[in-house]
C-alpha atoms as a PDB file:
ATOM      1  CA  MET A   1     -23.364  -9.645 -19.870  1.00  0.00           C
ATOM      2  CA  THR A   2     -20.095 -10.620 -18.351  1.00  0.00           C
ATOM      3  CA  THR A   3     -18.700 -13.748 -16.222  1.00  0.00           C
ATOM      4  CA  ARG A   4     -16.199 -12.260 -13.521  1.00  0.00           C
ATOM      5  CA  LEU A   5     -13.514 -14.699 -12.324  1.00  0.00           C
ATOM      6  CA  SER A   6     -12.455 -12.806  -9.661  1.00  0.00           C
ATOM      7  CA  LEU A   7     -10.284 -15.590  -8.423  1.00  0.00           C
ATOM      8  CA  ILE A   8      -8.314 -16.304 -11.506  1.00  0.00           C
ATOM      9  CA  ILE A   9      -4.894 -15.175  -9.827  1.00  0.00           C
ATOM     10  CA  PRO A  10      -3.962 -15.578  -6.497  1.00  0.00           C
ATOM     11  CA  LEU A  11      -3.823 -12.660  -3.865  1.00  0.00           C
ATOM     12  CA  LEU A  12      -0.998 -10.520  -3.504  1.00  0.00           C
ATOM     13  CA  ALA A  13      -0.507  -8.370  -0.553  1.00  0.00           C
ATOM     14  CA  LEU A  14       1.822  -5.169  -1.540  1.00  0.00           C
ATOM     15  CA  GLY A  15       2.884  -2.212   0.604  1.00  0.00           C
ATOM     16  CA  LEU A  16       1.617  -3.896   3.900  1.00  0.00           C
ATOM     17  CA  SER A  17       2.878  -3.506   7.361  1.00  0.00           C
ATOM     18  CA  ALA A  18       0.946  -6.778   7.701  1.00  0.00           C
ATOM     19  CA  GLN A  19       2.637  -8.386   4.882  1.00  0.00           C
ATOM     20  CA  LEU A  20       5.777  -7.021   3.801  1.00  0.00           C
ATOM     21  CA  ALA A  21       6.839  -5.903   7.315  1.00  0.00           C
ATOM     22  CA  HIS A  22       6.582  -9.289   8.567  1.00  0.00           C
ATOM     23  CA  SER A  23       7.724 -11.547   5.774  1.00  0.00           C
ATOM     24  CA  ALA A  24      10.006 -11.695   3.315  1.00  0.00           C
ATOM     25  CA  GLN A  25       8.953 -12.567  -0.579  1.00  0.00           C
ATOM     26  CA  VAL A  26      10.750 -15.193  -2.932  1.00  0.00           C
ATOM     27  CA  LEU A  27       9.924 -14.798  -6.742  1.00  0.00           C
ATOM     28  CA  TRP A  28      11.175 -17.766  -8.392  1.00  0.00           C
ATOM     29  CA  GLY A  29      10.700 -19.582 -11.811  1.00  0.00           C
ATOM     30  CA  SER A  30      12.325 -20.328 -14.923  1.00  0.00           C
ATOM     31  CA  ALA A  31      12.790 -18.694 -18.437  1.00  0.00           C
ATOM     32  CA  ARG A  32       9.856 -17.964 -20.133  1.00  0.00           C
ATOM     33  CA  LEU A  33       9.165 -19.719 -23.539  1.00  0.00           C
ATOM     34  CA  ALA A  34      12.471 -21.735 -23.244  1.00  0.00           C
ATOM     35  CA  PHE A  35      13.202 -24.970 -24.496  1.00  0.00           C
ATOM     36  CA  ASN A  36      12.767 -27.689 -21.943  1.00  0.00           C
ATOM     37  CA  TYR A  37      13.179 -31.261 -22.295  1.00  0.00           C
ATOM     38  CA  VAL A  38      13.155 -34.427 -20.568  1.00  0.00           C
ATOM     39  CA  SER A  39      16.189 -36.838 -20.512  1.00  0.00           C
ATOM     40  CA  THR A  40      15.539 -38.083 -24.033  1.00  0.00           C
ATOM     41  CA  GLY A  41      15.912 -34.692 -25.549  1.00  0.00           C
ATOM     42  CA  GLU A  42      13.763 -33.429 -28.612  1.00  0.00           C
ATOM     43  CA  PRO A  43      10.726 -34.150 -29.320  1.00  0.00           C
ATOM     44  CA  ASN A  44      10.186 -34.897 -25.645  1.00  0.00           C
ATOM     45  CA  ALA A  45       9.673 -31.768 -24.024  1.00  0.00           C
ATOM     46  CA  LEU A  46       8.661 -31.162 -20.621  1.00  0.00           C
ATOM     47  CA  GLY A  47       4.793 -31.684 -20.260  1.00  0.00           C
ATOM     48  CA  SER A  48       1.924 -30.334 -17.685  1.00  0.00           C
ATOM     49  CA  ASP A  49       2.600 -33.208 -15.652  1.00  0.00           C
ATOM     50  CA  PHE A  50       5.710 -31.551 -14.168  1.00  0.00           C
ATOM     51  CA  THR A  51       5.674 -30.053 -10.877  1.00  0.00           C
ATOM     52  CA  PHE A  52       8.356 -27.544  -9.613  1.00  0.00           C
ATOM     53  CA  GLN A  53       8.848 -27.047  -5.959  1.00  0.00           C
ATOM     54  CA  LEU A  54      10.765 -24.492  -3.964  1.00  0.00           C
ATOM     55  CA  GLY A  55      12.216 -25.736  -0.560  1.00  0.00           C
ATOM     56  CA  SER A  56      15.440 -26.974   1.543  1.00  0.00           C
ATOM     57  CA  PHE A  57      17.020 -30.014   2.584  1.00  0.00           C
ATOM     58  CA  ASP A  58      17.748 -30.814   6.388  1.00  0.00           C
ATOM     59  CA  PRO A  59      20.714 -28.452   7.283  1.00  0.00           C
ATOM     60  CA  ASP A  60      22.624 -31.822   8.048  1.00  0.00           C
ATOM     61  CA  PHE A  61      22.040 -33.445   4.685  1.00  0.00           C
ATOM     62  CA  THR A  62      23.583 -32.579   1.038  1.00  0.00           C
ATOM     63  CA  PRO A  63      21.683 -34.178  -1.782  1.00  0.00           C
ATOM     64  CA  THR A  64      23.926 -35.753  -4.501  1.00  0.00           C
ATOM     65  CA  ALA A  65      23.298 -37.800  -7.812  1.00  0.00           C
ATOM     66  CA  ASP A  66      24.450 -40.903  -5.314  1.00  0.00           C
ATOM     67  CA  ASN A  67      21.868 -40.655  -2.569  1.00  0.00           C
ATOM     68  CA  ILE A  68      18.445 -39.901  -4.831  1.00  0.00           C
ATOM     69  CA  SER A  69      16.672 -42.509  -2.708  1.00  0.00           C
ATOM     70  CA  SER A  70      17.040 -40.443   0.630  1.00  0.00           C
ATOM     71  CA  TRP A  71      16.111 -36.800  -0.975  1.00  0.00           C
ATOM     72  CA  LEU A  72      12.497 -37.196  -0.062  1.00  0.00           C
ATOM     73  CA  ALA A  73      13.064 -37.967   3.684  1.00  0.00           C
ATOM     74  CA  HIS A  74      15.079 -34.830   4.218  1.00  0.00           C
ATOM     75  CA  TRP A  75      13.410 -32.341   1.814  1.00  0.00           C
ATOM     76  CA  THR A  76      10.638 -29.761   2.947  1.00  0.00           C
ATOM     77  CA  PRO A  77       8.835 -28.154   0.295  1.00  0.00           C
ATOM     78  CA  ALA A  78       7.757 -24.323   1.061  1.00  0.00           C
ATOM     79  CA  GLN A  79       5.984 -23.914  -2.349  1.00  0.00           C
ATOM     80  CA  SER A  80       4.821 -26.116  -5.454  1.00  0.00           C
ATOM     81  CA  VAL A  81       3.559 -25.032  -8.868  1.00  0.00           C
ATOM     82  CA  ASP A  82       2.800 -26.741 -11.781  1.00  0.00           C
ATOM     83  CA  TYR A  83       4.745 -26.220 -14.986  1.00  0.00           C
ATOM     84  CA  ASN A  84       3.047 -24.567 -17.988  1.00  0.00           C
ATOM     85  CA  ALA A  85       3.563 -26.582 -21.107  1.00  0.00           C
ATOM     86  CA  ASN A  86       2.026 -24.076 -23.404  1.00  0.00           C
ATOM     87  CA  THR A  87       4.339 -20.863 -22.170  1.00  0.00           C
ATOM     88  CA  ARG A  88       7.166 -23.389 -21.188  1.00  0.00           C
ATOM     89  CA  PHE A  89       7.757 -21.938 -17.658  1.00  0.00           C
ATOM     90  CA  PHE A  90       6.839 -21.816 -14.150  1.00  0.00           C
ATOM     91  CA  THR A  91       6.741 -19.227 -11.430  1.00  0.00           C
ATOM     92  CA  GLY A  92       5.870 -18.901  -8.053  1.00  0.00           C
ATOM     93  CA  SER A  93       5.656 -16.054  -5.479  1.00  0.00           C
ATOM     94  CA  TYR A  94       6.352 -17.547  -1.863  1.00  0.00           C
ATOM     95  CA  SER A  95       6.053 -15.427   1.393  1.00  0.00           C
ATOM     96  CA  LEU A  96       8.578 -16.456   3.952  1.00  0.00           C
ATOM     97  CA  GLN A  97       6.667 -16.704   7.355  1.00  0.00           C
ATOM     98  CA  THR A  98       9.246 -18.514   9.507  1.00  0.00           C
ATOM     99  CA  THR A  99      12.941 -18.897   9.740  1.00  0.00           C
ATOM    100  CA  ALA A 100      12.861 -22.244  11.580  1.00  0.00           C
ATOM    101  CA  ALA A 101      14.569 -24.850  10.026  1.00  0.00           C
ATOM    102  CA  PRO A 102      15.186 -25.769   7.447  1.00  0.00           C
ATOM    103  CA  PHE A 103      14.160 -22.042   6.073  1.00  0.00           C
ATOM    104  CA  THR A 104      17.293 -20.699   7.823  1.00  0.00           C
ATOM    105  CA  SER A 105      19.400 -17.869   6.631  1.00  0.00           C
ATOM    106  CA  ALA A 106      22.404 -20.353   6.746  1.00  0.00           C
ATOM    107  CA  ASN A 107      20.541 -23.206   4.879  1.00  0.00           C
ATOM    108  CA  ARG A 108      20.528 -23.097   1.062  1.00  0.00           C
ATOM    109  CA  ALA A 109      17.046 -23.065  -1.092  1.00  0.00           C
ATOM    110  CA  TYR A 110      16.476 -25.538  -3.818  1.00  0.00           C
ATOM    111  CA  ILE A 111      14.285 -25.756  -6.946  1.00  0.00           C
ATOM    112  CA  PHE A 112      13.088 -29.352  -7.372  1.00  0.00           C
ATOM    113  CA  GLY A 113      11.262 -30.314 -10.816  1.00  0.00           C
ATOM    114  CA  PHE A 114       9.567 -33.847 -11.157  1.00  0.00           C
ATOM    115  CA  ASN A 115       6.907 -35.544 -13.146  1.00  0.00           C
ATOM    116  CA  ARG A 116       6.494 -38.543 -10.537  1.00  0.00           C
ATOM    117  CA  TRP A 117       8.025 -39.712  -7.321  1.00  0.00           C
ATOM    118  CA  ALA A 118       7.675 -43.407  -7.341  1.00  0.00           C
ATOM    119  CA  THR A 119       9.169 -45.734  -9.788  1.00  0.00           C
ATOM    120  CA  SER A 120       9.262 -49.314 -10.910  1.00  0.00           C
ATOM    121  CA  ALA A 121       9.073 -51.606 -13.701  1.00  0.00           C
ATOM    122  CA  ALA A 122       5.738 -50.318 -14.524  1.00  0.00           C
ATOM    123  CA  ASN A 123       6.443 -46.917 -13.628  1.00  0.00           C
ATOM    124  CA  SER A 124       9.980 -46.146 -15.365  1.00  0.00           C
ATOM    125  CA  SER A 125       9.190 -42.711 -16.834  1.00  0.00           C
ATOM    126  CA  ALA A 126      10.052 -40.504 -13.785  1.00  0.00           C
ATOM    127  CA  GLU A 127      12.277 -37.333 -14.499  1.00  0.00           C
ATOM    128  CA  TRP A 128      13.664 -35.186 -12.040  1.00  0.00           C
ATOM    129  CA  ILE A 129      15.763 -32.030 -11.984  1.00  0.00           C
ATOM    130  CA  LEU A 130      17.508 -30.039  -8.862  1.00  0.00           C
ATOM    131  CA  ALA A 131      19.093 -27.115  -8.856  1.00  0.00           C
ATOM    132  CA  THR A 132      20.523 -24.366  -6.703  1.00  0.00           C
ATOM    133  CA  ALA A 133      23.003 -21.593  -6.083  1.00  0.00           C
ATOM    134  CA  PRO A 134      25.546 -20.491  -3.519  1.00  0.00           C
ATOM    135  CA  ASN A 135      23.461 -16.986  -2.968  1.00  0.00           C
ATOM    136  CA  TRP A 136      19.866 -19.152  -2.681  1.00  0.00           C
ATOM    137  CA  ARG A 137      19.844 -18.422   1.051  1.00  0.00           C
ATOM    138  CA  TRP A 138      16.582 -17.827   2.902  1.00  0.00           C
ATOM    139  CA  PRO A 139      16.032 -14.113   3.780  1.00  0.00           C
ATOM    140  CA  ALA A 140      14.916 -12.822   7.293  1.00  0.00           C
ATOM    141  CA  ALA A 141      11.268 -13.364   7.858  1.00  0.00           C
ATOM    142  CA  VAL A 142      10.951  -9.824   9.319  1.00  0.00           C
ATOM    143  CA  GLY A 143      11.970  -6.324   8.550  1.00  0.00           C
ATOM    144  CA  GLY A 144      10.718  -3.424   6.533  1.00  0.00           C
ATOM    145  CA  ILE A 145       9.829  -2.978   2.889  1.00  0.00           C
ATOM    146  CA  ALA A 146      12.712  -4.435   0.827  1.00  0.00           C
ATOM    147  CA  PRO A 147      12.697  -5.990  -2.710  1.00  0.00           C
ATOM    148  CA  PRO A 148      11.711  -9.453  -2.873  1.00  0.00           C
ATOM    149  CA  VAL A 149      14.300 -11.993  -3.392  1.00  0.00           C
ATOM    150  CA  GLN A 150      14.282 -13.313  -7.130  1.00  0.00           C
ATOM    151  CA  TRP A 151      15.822 -17.134  -7.650  1.00  0.00           C
ATOM    152  CA  SER A 152      15.385 -18.320 -11.278  1.00  0.00           C
ATOM    153  CA  MET A 153      16.808 -21.439 -12.967  1.00  0.00           C
ATOM    154  CA  SER A 154      18.595 -19.193 -15.314  1.00  0.00           C
ATOM    155  CA  ASN A 155      21.063 -18.322 -12.732  1.00  0.00           C
ATOM    156  CA  ALA A 156      21.340 -21.713 -11.168  1.00  0.00           C
ATOM    157  CA  GLU A 157      25.085 -22.482 -10.517  1.00  0.00           C
ATOM    158  CA  THR A 158      24.902 -25.945  -9.289  1.00  0.00           C
ATOM    159  CA  VAL A 159      22.727 -28.391 -10.910  1.00  0.00           C
ATOM    160  CA  VAL A 160      22.653 -31.678  -8.606  1.00  0.00           C
ATOM    161  CA  LEU A 161      20.600 -33.803 -11.449  1.00  0.00           C
ATOM    162  CA  GLY A 162      19.572 -32.646 -14.802  1.00  0.00           C
ATOM    163  CA  THR A 163      21.121 -29.634 -16.960  1.00  0.00           C
ATOM    164  CA  VAL A 164      20.639 -26.169 -16.694  1.00  0.00           C
ATOM    165  CA  ASN A 165      21.692 -24.105 -19.771  1.00  0.00           C
ATOM    166  CA  ALA A 166      23.908 -26.458 -21.163  1.00  0.00           C
ATOM    167  CA  PRO A 167      27.031 -25.251 -23.258  1.00  0.00           C
ATOM    168  CA  ASN A 168      26.316 -24.926 -26.811  1.00  0.00           C
ATOM    169  CA  SER A 169      23.061 -25.571 -26.617  1.00  0.00           C
ATOM    170  CA  SER A 170      19.609 -23.818 -26.896  1.00  0.00           C
ATOM    171  CA  THR A 171      18.244 -26.083 -24.084  1.00  0.00           C
ATOM    172  CA  HIS A 172      17.258 -24.337 -20.819  1.00  0.00           C
ATOM    173  CA  MET A 173      16.411 -27.145 -18.790  1.00  0.00           C
ATOM    174  CA  GLN A 174      16.502 -30.888 -19.367  1.00  0.00           C
ATOM    175  CA  THR A 175      15.605 -33.511 -16.607  1.00  0.00           C
ATOM    176  CA  ALA A 176      16.997 -36.639 -15.992  1.00  0.00           C
ATOM    177  CA  LYS A 177      15.656 -40.381 -15.739  1.00  0.00           C
ATOM    178  CA  VAL A 178      15.564 -41.568 -12.330  1.00  0.00           C
ATOM    179  CA  ASN A 179      15.061 -45.061 -11.560  1.00  0.00           C
ATOM    180  CA  THR A 180      14.713 -44.920  -7.433  1.00  0.00           C
ATOM    181  CA  LEU A 181      12.058 -47.060  -6.111  1.00  0.00           C
ATOM    182  CA  LEU A 182       9.814 -44.956  -3.760  1.00  0.00           C
ATOM    183  CA  GLU A 183       6.917 -45.899  -1.377  1.00  0.00           C
ATOM    184  CA  PHE A 184       4.356 -43.161  -2.890  1.00  0.00           C
ATOM    185  CA  LEU A 185       0.982 -43.969  -1.455  1.00  0.00           C
ATOM    186  CA  ASN A 186       2.424 -42.660   1.804  1.00  0.00           C
ATOM    187  CA  LEU A 187       0.785 -39.515   3.975  1.00  0.00           C
ATOM    188  CA  GLU A 188       3.971 -37.930   4.433  1.00  0.00           C
ATOM    189  CA  LEU A 189       5.420 -38.027   0.739  1.00  0.00           C
ATOM    190  CA  TRP A 190       1.954 -37.178  -0.547  1.00  0.00           C
ATOM    191  CA  ALA A 191       1.547 -34.039   1.410  1.00  0.00           C
ATOM    192  CA  LYS A 192       5.201 -32.993   0.321  1.00  0.00           C
ATOM    193  CA  ARG A 193       4.368 -33.717  -3.266  1.00  0.00           C
ATOM    194  CA  TYR A 194       1.804 -30.708  -2.837  1.00  0.00           C
ATOM    195  CA  ALA A 195       3.564 -28.760  -0.523  1.00  0.00           C
ATOM    196  CA  ILE A 196       0.706 -28.939   2.092  1.00  0.00           C
ATOM    197  CA  GLY A 197       0.645 -29.953   6.098  1.00  0.00           C
ATOM    198  CA  THR A 198      -0.145 -33.241   7.629  1.00  0.00           C
ATOM    199  CA  ASP A 199      -1.663 -31.063  10.447  1.00  0.00           C
ATOM    200  CA  ASP A 200      -5.441 -31.764  11.633  1.00  0.00           C
ATOM    201  CA  ALA A 201      -6.597 -28.591   9.950  1.00  0.00           C
ATOM    202  CA  SER A 202      -4.587 -28.682   6.776  1.00  0.00           C
ATOM    203  CA  LEU A 203      -5.920 -32.363   6.304  1.00  0.00           C
ATOM    204  CA  ALA A 204      -9.573 -31.330   7.020  1.00  0.00           C
ATOM    205  CA  ALA A 205      -9.013 -28.133   4.657  1.00  0.00           C
ATOM    206  CA  ASP A 206     -10.448 -28.322   1.062  1.00  0.00           C
ATOM    207  CA  PHE A 207      -7.839 -26.178  -0.527  1.00  0.00           C
ATOM    208  CA  ASP A 208      -9.367 -26.338  -4.134  1.00  0.00           C
ATOM    209  CA  GLY A 209     -13.086 -25.973  -3.317  1.00  0.00           C
ATOM    210  CA  ASP A 210     -14.335 -29.348  -4.758  1.00  0.00           C
ATOM    211  CA  GLY A 211     -16.219 -30.600  -1.539  1.00  0.00           C
ATOM    212  CA  LEU A 212     -13.478 -33.295  -0.851  1.00  0.00           C
ATOM    213  CA  SER A 213     -11.006 -32.860   2.406  1.00  0.00           C
ATOM    214  CA  ASN A 214      -7.288 -32.843   1.586  1.00  0.00           C
ATOM    215  CA  PHE A 215      -7.302 -36.285   3.234  1.00  0.00           C
ATOM    216  CA  GLU A 216     -10.109 -37.358   1.035  1.00  0.00           C
ATOM    217  CA  GLU A 217      -8.056 -36.381  -1.769  1.00  0.00           C
ATOM    218  CA  PHE A 218      -5.066 -38.463  -0.386  1.00  0.00           C
ATOM    219  CA  GLU A 219      -7.508 -41.299  -0.076  1.00  0.00           C
ATOM    220  CA  GLN A 220      -8.942 -41.181  -3.587  1.00  0.00           C
ATOM    221  CA  ALA A 221      -5.425 -40.192  -5.308  1.00  0.00           C
ATOM    222  CA  THR A 222      -6.766 -36.810  -6.589  1.00  0.00           C
ATOM    223  CA  HIS A 223      -4.993 -33.373  -6.840  1.00  0.00           C
ATOM    224  CA  PRO A 224      -5.766 -31.304  -3.687  1.00  0.00           C
ATOM    225  CA  LEU A 225      -4.982 -28.151  -5.436  1.00  0.00           C
ATOM    226  CA  LYS A 226      -7.220 -28.594  -8.315  1.00  0.00           C
ATOM    227  CA  PRO A 227     -10.829 -29.427  -8.707  1.00  0.00           C
ATOM    228  CA  ASN A 228     -11.244 -33.119  -9.454  1.00  0.00           C
ATOM    229  CA  GLU A 229     -13.095 -34.238 -12.537  1.00  0.00           C
ATOM    230  CA  THR A 230     -16.414 -34.634 -11.340  1.00  0.00           C
ATOM    231  CA  SER A 231     -16.214 -30.656 -10.022  1.00  0.00           C
ATOM    232  CA  THR A 232     -16.882 -27.589 -11.563  1.00  0.00           C
ATOM    233  CA  PRO A 233     -13.506 -26.502 -12.341  1.00  0.00           C
ATOM    234  CA  ILE A 234     -12.134 -22.661 -11.377  1.00  0.00           C
ATOM    235  CA  GLU A 235      -9.505 -21.607 -13.971  1.00  0.00           C
ATOM    236  CA  THR A 236      -6.380 -20.231 -12.066  1.00  0.00           C
ATOM    237  CA  ARG A 237      -3.401 -19.098 -13.425  1.00  0.00           C
ATOM    238  CA  ALA A 238       0.104 -18.141 -12.051  1.00  0.00           C
ATOM    239  CA  PRO A 239       0.650 -14.371 -11.975  1.00  0.00           C
ATOM    240  CA  ILE A 240       3.785 -12.446 -13.237  1.00  0.00           C
ATOM    241  CA  ILE A 241       4.688 -10.351 -10.269  1.00  0.00           C
ATOM    242  CA  GLU A 242       7.820  -8.046 -10.531  1.00  0.00           C
ATOM    243  CA  PHE A 243       9.051  -5.157  -8.576  1.00  0.00           C
ATOM    244  CA  VAL A 244      10.269  -1.861 -10.125  1.00  0.00           C
ATOM    245  CA  SER A 245      12.631   0.104  -7.802  1.00  0.00           C
ATOM    246  CA  ASP A 246      12.667   3.914  -8.254  1.00  0.00           C
ATOM    247  CA  SER A 247      15.299   5.563  -5.984  1.00  0.00           C
ATOM    248  CA  SER A 248      14.391   4.295  -2.432  1.00  0.00           C
ATOM    249  CA  GLU A 249      10.452   3.624  -3.677  1.00  0.00           C
ATOM    250  CA  LEU A 250       9.084   0.326  -5.031  1.00  0.00           C
ATOM    251  CA  PHE A 251       6.061  -0.161  -7.701  1.00  0.00           C
ATOM    252  CA  THR A 252       4.369  -3.423  -8.382  1.00  0.00           C
ATOM    253  CA  GLU A 253       4.151  -4.835 -11.591  1.00  0.00           C
ATOM    254  CA  LEU A 254       1.555  -7.448 -12.566  1.00  0.00           C
ATOM    255  CA  GLY A 255       1.216  -9.677 -15.543  1.00  0.00           C
ATOM    256  CA  LEU A 256      -0.943 -12.417 -16.747  1.00  0.00           C
ATOM    257  CA  PHE A 257      -0.508 -14.603 -20.033  1.00  0.00           C
ATOM    258  CA  LYS A 258      -3.642 -14.553 -22.357  1.00  0.00           C
ATOM    259  CA  LEU A 259      -3.160 -17.802 -23.937  1.00  0.00           C
ATOM    260  CA  GLY A 260      -6.152 -19.369 -23.991  1.00  0.00           C
ATOM    261  CA  LEU A 261      -8.513 -16.992 -23.131  1.00  0.00           C
ATOM    262  CA  PRO A 262     -11.617 -16.109 -25.136  1.00  0.00           C
ATOM    263  CA  ASN A 263     -11.710 -13.290 -28.098  1.00  0.00           C
ATOM    264  CA  GLY A 264     -13.065 -10.163 -25.993  1.00  0.00           C
ATOM    265  CA  ALA A 265     -12.134 -11.274 -22.827  1.00  0.00           C
ATOM    266  CA  ALA A 266     -11.418  -7.939 -20.660  1.00  0.00           C
ATOM    267  CA  LEU A 267      -8.463  -8.115 -18.069  1.00  0.00           C
ATOM    268  CA  VAL A 268      -8.936  -5.490 -15.146  1.00  0.00           C
ATOM    269  CA  PRO A 269      -6.508  -4.670 -11.950  1.00  0.00           C
ATOM    270  CA  GLU A 270      -8.334  -4.659  -8.971  1.00  0.00           C
ATOM    271  CA  VAL A 271      -7.525  -3.298  -5.350  1.00  0.00           C
ATOM    272  CA  SER A 272      -8.894  -3.914  -1.956  1.00  0.00           C
ATOM    273  CA  SER A 273      -8.099  -2.833   1.545  1.00  0.00           C
ATOM    274  CA  ASP A 274      -9.695  -5.821   3.467  1.00  0.00           C
ATOM    275  CA  LEU A 275      -9.873  -8.521   1.067  1.00  0.00           C
ATOM    276  CA  ILE A 276     -13.617  -8.419   1.114  1.00  0.00           C
ATOM    277  CA  THR A 277     -14.693  -5.509  -1.189  1.00  0.00           C
ATOM    278  CA  TRP A 278     -13.093  -5.292  -4.302  1.00  0.00           C
ATOM    279  CA  ARG A 279     -12.973  -2.308  -6.764  1.00  0.00           C
ATOM    280  CA  PRO A 280     -11.745  -1.505 -10.291  1.00  0.00           C
ATOM    281  CA  ALA A 281      -7.804   0.214 -10.291  1.00  0.00           C
ATOM    282  CA  THR A 282      -7.420   1.083 -13.797  1.00  0.00           C
ATOM    283  CA  ASP A 283      -6.759   4.376 -12.710  1.00  0.00           C
ATOM    284  CA  GLU A 284      -4.111   3.377 -10.381  1.00  0.00           C
ATOM    285  CA  PHE A 285      -2.134   1.513 -13.019  1.00  0.00           C
ATOM    286  CA  ASP A 286      -0.311   2.170 -16.317  1.00  0.00           C
ATOM    287  CA  VAL A 287      -0.495  -0.754 -18.832  1.00  0.00           C
ATOM    288  CA  THR A 288       2.922  -1.675 -20.014  1.00  0.00           C
ATOM    289  CA  ASP A 289       2.194  -4.667 -22.397  1.00  0.00           C
ATOM    290  CA  ASP A 290      -1.471  -5.690 -23.881  1.00  0.00           C
ATOM    291  CA  SER A 291      -0.112  -8.035 -26.637  1.00  0.00           C
ATOM    292  CA  ILE A 292      -1.775 -11.335 -28.068  1.00  0.00           C
ATOM    293  CA  LEU A 293       0.751 -13.247 -25.679  1.00  0.00           C
ATOM    294  CA  ILE A 294       0.294 -11.150 -22.318  1.00  0.00           C
ATOM    295  CA  TYR A 295      -1.491  -8.413 -20.557  1.00  0.00           C
ATOM    296  CA  ARG A 296       0.862  -6.424 -18.003  1.00  0.00           C
ATOM    297  CA  VAL A 297       0.244  -3.340 -15.691  1.00  0.00           C
ATOM    298  CA  ARG A 298       2.468  -1.383 -13.372  1.00  0.00           C
ATOM    299  CA  SER A 299       1.149   0.550 -10.110  1.00  0.00           C
ATOM    300  CA  LYS A 300       1.466   4.134 -10.285  1.00  0.00           C
ATOM    301  CA  ASN A 301       1.618   4.508  -6.475  1.00  0.00           C
ATOM    302  CA  PRO A 302       4.727   3.239  -4.300  1.00  0.00           C
ATOM    303  CA  ALA A 303       4.295   0.637  -1.471  1.00  0.00           C
ATOM    304  CA  VAL A 304       3.916   2.218   1.631  1.00  0.00           C
ATOM    305  CA  THR A 305       4.721   0.898   5.262  1.00  0.00           C
ATOM    306  CA  GLY A 306       1.380   0.426   7.070  1.00  0.00           C
ATOM    307  CA  GLU A 307      -1.085   0.884   4.069  1.00  0.00           C
ATOM    308  CA  ALA A 308      -2.922  -2.014   3.340  1.00  0.00           C
ATOM    309  CA  ARG A 309      -3.540  -2.675  -0.396  1.00  0.00           C
ATOM    310  CA  TYR A 310      -3.932  -6.288  -2.037  1.00  0.00           C
ATOM    311  CA  TYR A 311      -3.977  -6.290  -5.864  1.00  0.00           C
ATOM    312  CA  ARG A 312      -5.321  -9.082  -8.278  1.00  0.00           C
ATOM    313  CA  ILE A 313      -6.534  -9.007 -11.905  1.00  0.00           C
ATOM    314  CA  ALA A 314      -9.897 -10.099 -12.810  1.00  0.00           C
ATOM    315  CA  VAL A 315     -10.965 -11.576 -16.144  1.00  0.00           C
ATOM    316  CA  GLU A 316     -14.403 -10.539 -17.376  1.00  0.00           C
ATOM    317  CA  LEU A 317     -15.500 -13.059 -19.793  1.00  0.00           C
ATOM    318  CA  PRO A 318     -17.553 -12.110 -22.767  1.00  0.00           C
END
């Protein structure tokens, strides 16, 4: 008998007129299994308390190391993901649905990492990192099928705070200590911390399914994207999502890190056309890697405009 965790990976719509034809996808993250440290260096590595966000500042604001106290007032996150301390990386997949400011093609995108926002005498361990590159400009949110934009910390050319790929060092990322006092228990800043909205619908929603609305999570200082300690946890893992181009066709490759899964767990790619009915799709994928560390599959079918296909990886526990 097996238990199926069918929601273990966020859903990804591929080859759809409803998805790819009306949005642009940004794949962003950092190098896997890299050496990442806080400002004090070894042995103080980045931990699971770190969050990374993809977003932009207001068009008339340029962040510098001298105006840190003003960053959050001008910052709009598009997506927020947790840092994986076991595999030492973070990754996200964001579908751009709007070209409204600050997500315009003329405005630069940034990757912002932090472990906390408020600092004081009793909270002096805030560590931040902020990086960008000249070509990190938001794509148009409409158009035909096109490869996703890929932004990685490995390619960051402008590091506003912290370091990335320091010369003569094996360190990939290193955060910097921040001593700027901020008002943390503020609804707007709290919502930015998790990249959720402050409109009535967003605050009334229960994103992590633990029975508490997002506003109640704010009031109780709990995580709105993870079930709280009194709830039954649902394990979620960030997927590895890559696109392989063959001539004019695009093929999708999905992966999942296997660390922490019990022995005998089976990983099965599934497909749906309506997000309601799912079926195993092992015959539609080639397994490209099934090692101790990772499970990776590549679609045999190219993305087709106007054809609805949604992919996910399900884990069957023994």
